[in-house]
Amino acid sequence: MLINEMAQDIIMYKGMASSSDMANEFRARTDGRYSVSNMASATRTNDSIIMFAPHYYGIREALSRPALYDKCYKILMNRSSCIQYIRKRYAGEPLGSYPLWTPELEFQYCRWAEAESHTNTKIGFGGKSDIGHKKKIFQSLPAIAEPDKWPVSENEKSFWQFKKQCNALYHFAYDFKNQEWMHTVSLQEIFSLAVLARRLGFMNCYRVSAEMYLIRHGVKLVPALMLMIAIKILRPAKHWQQKNVPGGRIDQAIDLMVSEIHQKGFVHWKDEAGNKMRRRIRENISDGENLGWVAADDVRTILKNIESKKLIPMAKKTDTDPEKEPEPIQTSHKKPKQIQMEFRF
């Protein structure tokens, strides 16, 4: 059986499976003879497998079966999944970002969190610590919830709107570490993020992490957001973990970088487009522009790091040899092949 087929078989057997459940089942079926990373690769390359919710996978065709939703909602009623939902919705991720992120799930999360907030598990100082954390979850949910969209009666909606007014208080905001602006972000990365922000209509810390392939909240995340706000590609949110909407100069910035890319294939901080971007940043932070949560001194630190890099701009293609391409980068990485397993189940 191909690993691709095995991944699908595991999910079909469970209805919906978390990445950890799939890894454990994979180890059990293969007796540890293959790396779990093979399972992760198969999950990403199989078009029939999609992410139903963060860290949970399902079969695309199963979404047409109404009975599946109730089963999956019950699986998602856990602390980790609920906090994931709260944090990403606070960051501006809309309902429908994942197939199971429905108004019905949000309603069930609120009811579940309220019931859990009164449950004493006796964990941590006789249960006080655990109950305190559960109350934070319950108060944070109404802060991001939209009861008007729930598939419930008008009386139920009004009841939860009242609870939202009384209880809503977001508890999972935190400040970034001071050292995080010390890492340099390339202008090519800023370009990719700007294009994505224009397409989505927003940008947040999770989208930056995904676009730049950062592990969790990588060290480039905060400086990337800072630079885009300083360039006015984005308008600053109240908090760095919230949704930033496109700024007034996003089209102008993208057009400038596209023009540079057409000439030599990429953009760079020390080329013409990069020089204009850096001048624009300095003008914006010097003119007392409203940068929201971004401190002008932090932006200056980022610029200082960028300008201290001894990077040589690549020459543009010449008229005498317009078709000449740079030498391909040699890499030892080979394209992974699908593993054919010598046994069947």
Protein backbone atom coordinates (compact mmCIF):
# COMPACT_ATOMS: atom_id res chain seq x y z
CA MET A 1 0.00 0.00 0.00
CA LEU A 2 1.31 3.46 -0.90
CA ILE A 3 1.79 5.82 2.02
CA ASN A 4 -0.52 8.21 0.19
CA GLU A 5 -3.24 5.57 0.27
CA MET A 6 -2.50 4.68 3.89
CA ALA A 7 -2.96 8.30 5.00
CA GLN A 8 -6.37 8.37 3.33
CA ASP A 9 -7.29 4.99 4.82
CA ILE A 10 -6.43 6.15 8.36
CA ILE A 11 -8.59 9.26 7.99
CA MET A 12 -11.51 7.33 6.50
CA TYR A 13 -11.32 4.86 9.39
CA LYS A 14 -11.48 7.67 11.98
CA GLY A 15 -13.74 10.09 10.11
CA MET A 16 -11.42 12.96 11.07
CA ALA A 17 -7.93 12.56 12.48
CA SER A 18 -5.48 14.89 14.16
CA SER A 19 -1.89 14.99 12.92
CA SER A 20 -0.75 13.25 16.14
CA ASP A 21 -3.39 10.50 15.78
CA MET A 22 -2.30 9.91 12.20
CA ALA A 23 1.35 9.72 13.24
CA ASN A 24 0.58 7.19 15.99
CA GLU A 25 -1.55 5.05 13.67
CA PHE A 26 1.14 5.21 10.99
CA ARG A 27 3.80 3.99 13.43
CA ALA A 28 1.52 1.15 14.55
CA ARG A 29 0.79 0.01 11.00
CA THR A 30 4.39 0.15 9.81
CA ASP A 31 6.06 -1.05 13.04
CA GLY A 32 8.19 2.08 12.97
CA ARG A 33 9.90 1.09 9.71
CA TYR A 34 9.19 4.43 8.04
CA SER A 35 9.59 8.02 9.16
CA VAL A 36 6.45 9.90 10.17
CA SER A 37 7.58 12.71 7.86
CA ASN A 38 6.54 10.46 4.96
CA MET A 39 3.00 10.55 6.31
CA ALA A 40 3.10 14.36 6.53
CA SER A 41 4.27 14.60 2.91
CA ALA A 42 1.54 12.24 1.75
CA THR A 43 -1.07 14.31 3.58
CA ARG A 44 0.01 17.47 1.76
CA THR A 45 0.16 15.90 -1.70
CA ASN A 46 -3.11 13.94 -1.63
CA ASP A 47 -5.84 16.11 -3.17
CA SER A 48 -8.54 14.12 -1.39
CA ILE A 49 -7.14 15.04 2.05
CA ILE A 50 -7.80 18.53 3.34
CA MET A 51 -7.43 20.25 6.69
CA PHE A 52 -10.86 20.39 8.33
CA ALA A 53 -9.57 22.52 11.20
CA PRO A 54 -6.06 23.40 12.47
CA HIS A 55 -4.15 20.10 12.91
CA TYR A 56 -7.19 17.98 11.92
CA TYR A 57 -7.53 16.25 8.56
CA GLY A 58 -10.46 14.77 6.71
CA ILE A 59 -11.57 13.53 3.29
CA ARG A 60 -12.91 16.21 0.96
CA GLU A 61 -15.86 14.11 -0.24
CA ALA A 62 -17.00 13.52 3.36
CA LEU A 63 -17.98 17.18 3.73
CA SER A 64 -21.16 16.46 1.76
CA ARG A 65 -22.40 14.19 4.59
CA PRO A 66 -24.25 16.25 7.27
CA ALA A 67 -23.80 13.50 9.89
CA LEU A 68 -20.03 14.00 9.76
CA TYR A 69 -20.22 17.52 11.17
CA ASP A 70 -21.74 16.58 14.52
CA LYS A 71 -19.10 13.88 15.00
CA CYS A 72 -16.27 16.25 14.12
CA TYR A 73 -17.61 19.08 16.29
CA LYS A 74 -17.46 16.75 19.30
CA ILE A 75 -13.82 15.94 18.52
CA LEU A 76 -13.00 19.66 18.38
CA MET A 77 -14.46 20.33 21.83
CA ASN A 78 -11.08 20.43 23.55
CA ARG A 79 -8.97 23.18 25.05
CA SER A 80 -6.21 23.21 22.45
CA SER A 81 -8.54 23.45 19.43
CA CYS A 82 -10.68 26.09 21.11
CA ILE A 83 -7.69 28.30 21.92
CA GLN A 84 -6.45 27.92 18.34
CA TYR A 85 -9.84 29.07 17.15
CA ILE A 86 -9.89 32.05 19.52
CA ARG A 87 -6.39 33.25 18.62
CA LYS A 88 -6.82 32.98 14.87
CA ARG A 89 -10.23 34.63 14.90
CA TYR A 90 -8.76 37.44 17.03
CA ALA A 91 -6.11 37.80 14.30
CA GLY A 92 -8.86 38.36 11.75
CA GLU A 93 -9.20 34.91 10.23
CA PRO A 94 -12.83 34.72 9.03
CA LEU A 95 -15.41 32.04 9.59
CA GLY A 96 -14.97 29.51 6.81
CA SER A 97 -11.16 29.66 6.87
CA TYR A 98 -11.42 25.91 7.46
CA PRO A 99 -14.38 23.70 6.45
CA LEU A 100 -15.38 23.11 10.09
CA TRP A 101 -15.04 26.72 11.13
CA THR A 102 -18.75 27.34 10.86
CA PRO A 103 -21.17 29.51 12.88
CA GLU A 104 -22.48 26.25 14.38
CA LEU A 105 -19.00 25.36 15.68
CA GLU A 106 -18.63 28.81 17.22
CA PHE A 107 -21.97 28.44 19.00
CA GLN A 108 -21.00 25.01 20.31
CA TYR A 109 -17.61 26.32 21.47
CA CYS A 110 -19.32 29.06 23.51
CA ARG A 111 -21.71 26.62 25.19
CA TRP A 112 -18.91 24.13 25.83
CA ALA A 113 -16.55 26.77 27.26
CA GLU A 114 -19.25 28.13 29.57
CA ALA A 115 -19.98 24.64 30.95
CA GLU A 116 -16.24 23.89 31.29
CA SER A 117 -15.64 27.13 33.21
CA HIS A 118 -17.66 25.68 36.11
CA THR A 119 -16.00 22.25 36.08
CA ASN A 120 -13.44 21.68 38.82
CA THR A 121 -10.84 19.08 37.84
CA LYS A 122 -8.85 19.67 41.07
CA ILE A 123 -5.78 20.39 38.91
CA GLY A 124 -3.54 23.20 40.13
CA PHE A 125 -4.06 24.55 43.65
CA GLY A 126 -7.13 22.43 44.24
CA GLY A 127 -8.59 23.31 40.86
CA LYS A 128 -8.30 27.09 41.17
CA SER A 129 -5.62 27.36 38.51
CA ASP A 130 -7.50 25.15 36.03
CA ILE A 131 -10.83 26.92 36.57
CA GLY A 132 -9.11 30.27 36.16
CA HIS A 133 -7.72 29.19 32.78
CA LYS A 134 -11.11 27.86 31.69
CA LYS A 135 -12.75 31.16 32.61
CA LYS A 136 -10.20 32.97 30.45
CA ILE A 137 -11.20 30.77 27.52
CA PHE A 138 -14.89 31.41 28.12
CA GLN A 139 -14.39 35.20 28.39
CA SER A 140 -12.15 35.29 25.30
CA LEU A 141 -14.66 33.46 23.08
CA PRO A 142 -17.40 36.12 23.23
CA ALA A 143 -14.74 38.74 22.43
CA ILE A 144 -14.31 37.22 18.95
CA ALA A 145 -17.70 35.54 18.48
CA GLU A 146 -20.44 36.71 16.11
CA PRO A 147 -23.76 35.48 17.58
CA ASP A 148 -25.76 37.18 14.81
CA LYS A 149 -24.43 34.58 12.37
CA TRP A 150 -25.30 31.53 14.48
CA PRO A 151 -27.98 29.07 13.25
CA VAL A 152 -30.10 29.55 16.39
CA SER A 153 -33.32 31.35 17.33
CA GLU A 154 -33.46 35.12 17.72
CA ASN A 155 -33.96 34.72 21.47
CA GLU A 156 -30.81 32.60 21.69
CA LYS A 157 -28.86 35.19 19.69
CA SER A 158 -30.07 38.00 21.97
CA PHE A 159 -29.17 35.96 25.04
CA TRP A 160 -25.59 35.45 23.82
CA GLN A 161 -25.27 39.06 22.68
CA PHE A 162 -26.02 40.01 26.29
CA LYS A 163 -23.36 37.55 27.51
CA LYS A 164 -20.94 39.02 25.00
CA GLN A 165 -21.51 42.49 26.44
CA CYS A 166 -21.07 41.23 30.02
CA ASN A 167 -18.26 38.68 29.70
CA ALA A 168 -16.18 39.52 26.60
CA LEU A 169 -12.54 39.99 27.56
CA TYR A 170 -9.67 38.72 25.42
CA HIS A 171 -6.95 37.07 27.55
CA PHE A 172 -4.45 35.72 24.99
CA ALA A 173 -2.76 38.91 23.80
CA TYR A 174 0.94 39.21 24.55
CA ASP A 175 3.81 41.48 23.57
CA PHE A 176 6.56 40.39 21.22
CA LYS A 177 10.11 40.01 22.49
CA ASN A 178 12.33 43.06 22.10
CA GLN A 179 14.94 41.11 20.15
CA GLU A 180 12.52 40.16 17.37
CA TRP A 181 13.11 43.31 15.31
CA MET A 182 16.83 42.52 15.09
CA HIS A 183 16.29 40.09 12.21
CA THR A 184 16.44 41.24 8.61
CA VAL A 185 13.54 40.68 6.23
CA SER A 186 14.29 40.71 2.50
CA LEU A 187 12.42 43.04 0.16
CA GLN A 188 11.44 39.99 -1.88
CA GLU A 189 9.61 38.68 1.20
CA ILE A 190 7.92 42.06 1.68
CA PHE A 191 6.76 41.91 -1.94
CA SER A 192 5.25 38.43 -1.52
CA LEU A 193 3.44 39.51 1.65
CA ALA A 194 2.16 42.71 0.02
CA VAL A 195 0.69 40.78 -2.91
CA LEU A 196 -0.94 38.34 -0.48
CA ALA A 197 -2.35 41.18 1.64
CA ARG A 198 -3.90 42.82 -1.41
CA ARG A 199 -5.44 39.52 -2.53
CA LEU A 200 -6.82 38.62 0.92
CA GLY A 201 -7.81 42.12 1.95
CA PHE A 202 -5.94 41.72 5.25
CA MET A 203 -2.71 40.46 6.81
CA ASN A 204 -1.96 38.97 10.22
CA CYS A 205 0.80 37.18 12.10
CA TYR A 206 -0.44 33.73 11.05
CA ARG A 207 -0.47 34.59 7.35
CA VAL A 208 3.05 36.04 7.61
CA SER A 209 4.28 32.85 9.28
CA ALA A 210 2.70 30.65 6.60
CA GLU A 211 3.94 32.76 3.68
CA MET A 212 7.51 32.93 5.01
CA TYR A 213 7.55 29.29 6.16
CA LEU A 214 8.25 30.30 9.75
CA ILE A 215 8.04 27.83 12.60
CA ARG A 216 5.22 29.05 14.83
CA HIS A 217 5.93 32.79 15.27
CA GLY A 218 9.42 33.04 13.76
CA VAL A 219 11.85 35.86 14.43
CA LYS A 220 11.10 37.56 11.08
CA LEU A 221 7.39 37.90 11.77
CA VAL A 222 7.38 41.13 13.78
CA PRO A 223 9.90 43.06 11.61
CA ALA A 224 7.97 42.03 8.49
CA LEU A 225 4.77 43.53 9.88
CA MET A 226 6.65 46.62 11.10
CA LEU A 227 8.18 47.30 7.68
CA MET A 228 4.88 46.88 5.85
CA ILE A 229 3.21 49.33 8.23
CA ALA A 230 6.11 51.81 7.91
CA ILE A 231 5.88 51.63 4.09
CA LYS A 232 2.07 52.03 4.39
CA ILE A 233 1.46 48.70 2.72
CA LEU A 234 -0.64 47.98 5.82
CA ARG A 235 -2.62 50.09 8.25
CA PRO A 236 -1.68 49.29 11.86
CA ALA A 237 -4.14 47.36 14.00
CA LYS A 238 -4.56 48.14 17.69
CA HIS A 239 -2.39 45.14 18.60
CA TRP A 240 0.25 43.30 16.57
CA GLN A 241 -1.69 40.03 16.84
CA GLN A 242 -4.79 41.52 15.22
CA LYS A 243 -5.78 41.94 11.58
CA ASN A 244 -4.00 44.66 9.60
CA VAL A 245 -5.88 45.93 6.54
CA PRO A 246 -4.19 47.19 3.34
CA GLY A 247 -2.76 50.69 3.55
CA GLY A 248 -3.09 53.60 1.19
CA ARG A 249 0.21 52.93 -0.63
CA ILE A 250 -0.05 49.18 -1.13
CA ASP A 251 -0.71 49.45 -4.89
CA GLN A 252 2.04 52.01 -5.37
CA ALA A 253 4.54 49.83 -3.46
CA ILE A 254 3.63 46.69 -5.39
CA ASP A 255 3.84 48.49 -8.75
CA LEU A 256 7.29 49.83 -7.85
CA MET A 257 8.56 46.38 -6.95
CA VAL A 258 6.93 44.75 -9.99
CA SER A 259 8.75 47.22 -12.24
CA GLU A 260 12.06 46.20 -10.64
CA ILE A 261 11.21 42.50 -10.93
CA HIS A 262 10.45 42.87 -14.65
CA GLN A 263 13.97 44.18 -15.20
CA LYS A 264 16.01 41.63 -13.28
CA GLY A 265 13.71 39.00 -11.77
CA PHE A 266 13.72 40.03 -8.10
CA VAL A 267 13.81 43.00 -5.70
CA HIS A 268 16.52 43.92 -3.23
CA TRP A 269 16.87 46.53 -0.46
CA LYS A 270 19.96 48.05 -2.10
CA ASP A 271 18.63 48.33 -5.64
CA GLU A 272 16.55 51.17 -7.07
CA ALA A 273 13.21 49.97 -5.70
CA GLY A 274 14.78 49.13 -2.35
CA ASN A 275 16.39 52.57 -2.07
CA LYS A 276 13.02 54.22 -2.73
CA MET A 277 11.37 52.00 -0.13
CA ARG A 278 13.96 52.86 2.50
CA ARG A 279 13.61 56.58 1.78
CA ARG A 280 9.84 56.26 2.07
CA ILE A 281 10.16 54.48 5.41
CA ARG A 282 12.45 57.21 6.78
CA GLU A 283 10.06 59.93 5.60
CA ASN A 284 7.09 58.23 7.21
CA ILE A 285 8.73 57.72 10.59
CA SER A 286 10.22 61.24 10.56
CA ASP A 287 6.94 62.96 9.70
CA GLY A 288 5.27 61.62 12.82
CA GLU A 289 2.97 59.29 10.91
CA ASN A 290 0.63 57.17 13.01
CA LEU A 291 2.31 53.77 13.11
CA GLY A 292 -0.01 52.31 15.75
CA TRP A 293 1.74 49.61 17.75
CA VAL A 294 4.97 50.09 15.78
CA ALA A 295 7.66 52.22 17.43
CA ALA A 296 9.70 54.46 15.10
CA ASP A 297 12.93 53.53 16.93
CA ASP A 298 12.31 49.87 16.20
CA VAL A 299 11.91 50.63 12.50
CA ARG A 300 15.18 52.57 12.57
CA THR A 301 16.86 49.53 14.11
CA ILE A 302 15.54 47.33 11.31
CA LEU A 303 16.78 49.77 8.66
CA LYS A 304 20.18 49.95 10.33
CA ASN A 305 20.44 46.17 10.15
CA ILE A 306 19.39 46.16 6.50
CA GLU A 307 21.90 48.84 5.55
CA SER A 308 24.71 47.15 7.47
CA LYS A 309 24.43 44.04 5.31
CA LYS A 310 27.16 43.91 2.67
CA LEU A 311 24.89 42.79 -0.14
CA ILE A 312 25.87 43.45 -3.76
CA PRO A 313 22.95 44.18 -6.10
CA MET A 314 22.78 41.83 -9.09
CA ALA A 315 23.27 43.59 -12.43
CA LYS A 316 20.25 43.93 -14.68
CA LYS A 317 20.13 42.04 -17.98
CA THR A 318 21.95 43.98 -20.68
CA ASP A 319 20.71 44.84 -24.14
CA THR A 320 23.61 42.89 -25.66
CA ASP A 321 22.60 39.70 -23.92
CA PRO A 322 18.95 40.04 -22.88
CA GLU A 323 18.27 36.32 -22.65
CA LYS A 324 21.18 35.40 -20.42
CA GLU A 325 20.03 33.84 -17.17
CA PRO A 326 22.00 33.46 -13.94
CA GLU A 327 23.60 30.11 -13.25
CA PRO A 328 21.19 27.71 -11.53
CA ILE A 329 21.76 27.15 -7.84
CA GLN A 330 23.18 23.72 -7.16
CA THR A 331 21.34 21.84 -4.46
CA SER A 332 21.70 18.43 -2.92
CA HIS A 333 17.98 18.13 -2.30
CA LYS A 334 16.25 15.66 -4.55
CA LYS A 335 12.59 15.58 -5.37
CA PRO A 336 10.94 13.15 -2.94
CA LYS A 337 9.47 10.02 -4.42
CA GLN A 338 6.36 8.22 -3.28
CA ILE A 339 7.38 5.22 -1.22
CA GLN A 340 5.97 1.91 -2.38
CA MET A 341 5.45 -0.37 0.60
CA GLU A 342 5.85 -4.08 0.15
CA PHE A 343 2.91 -5.08 2.29
CA ARG A 344 -0.84 -4.53 2.23
CA PHE A 345 -3.55 -4.18 4.83
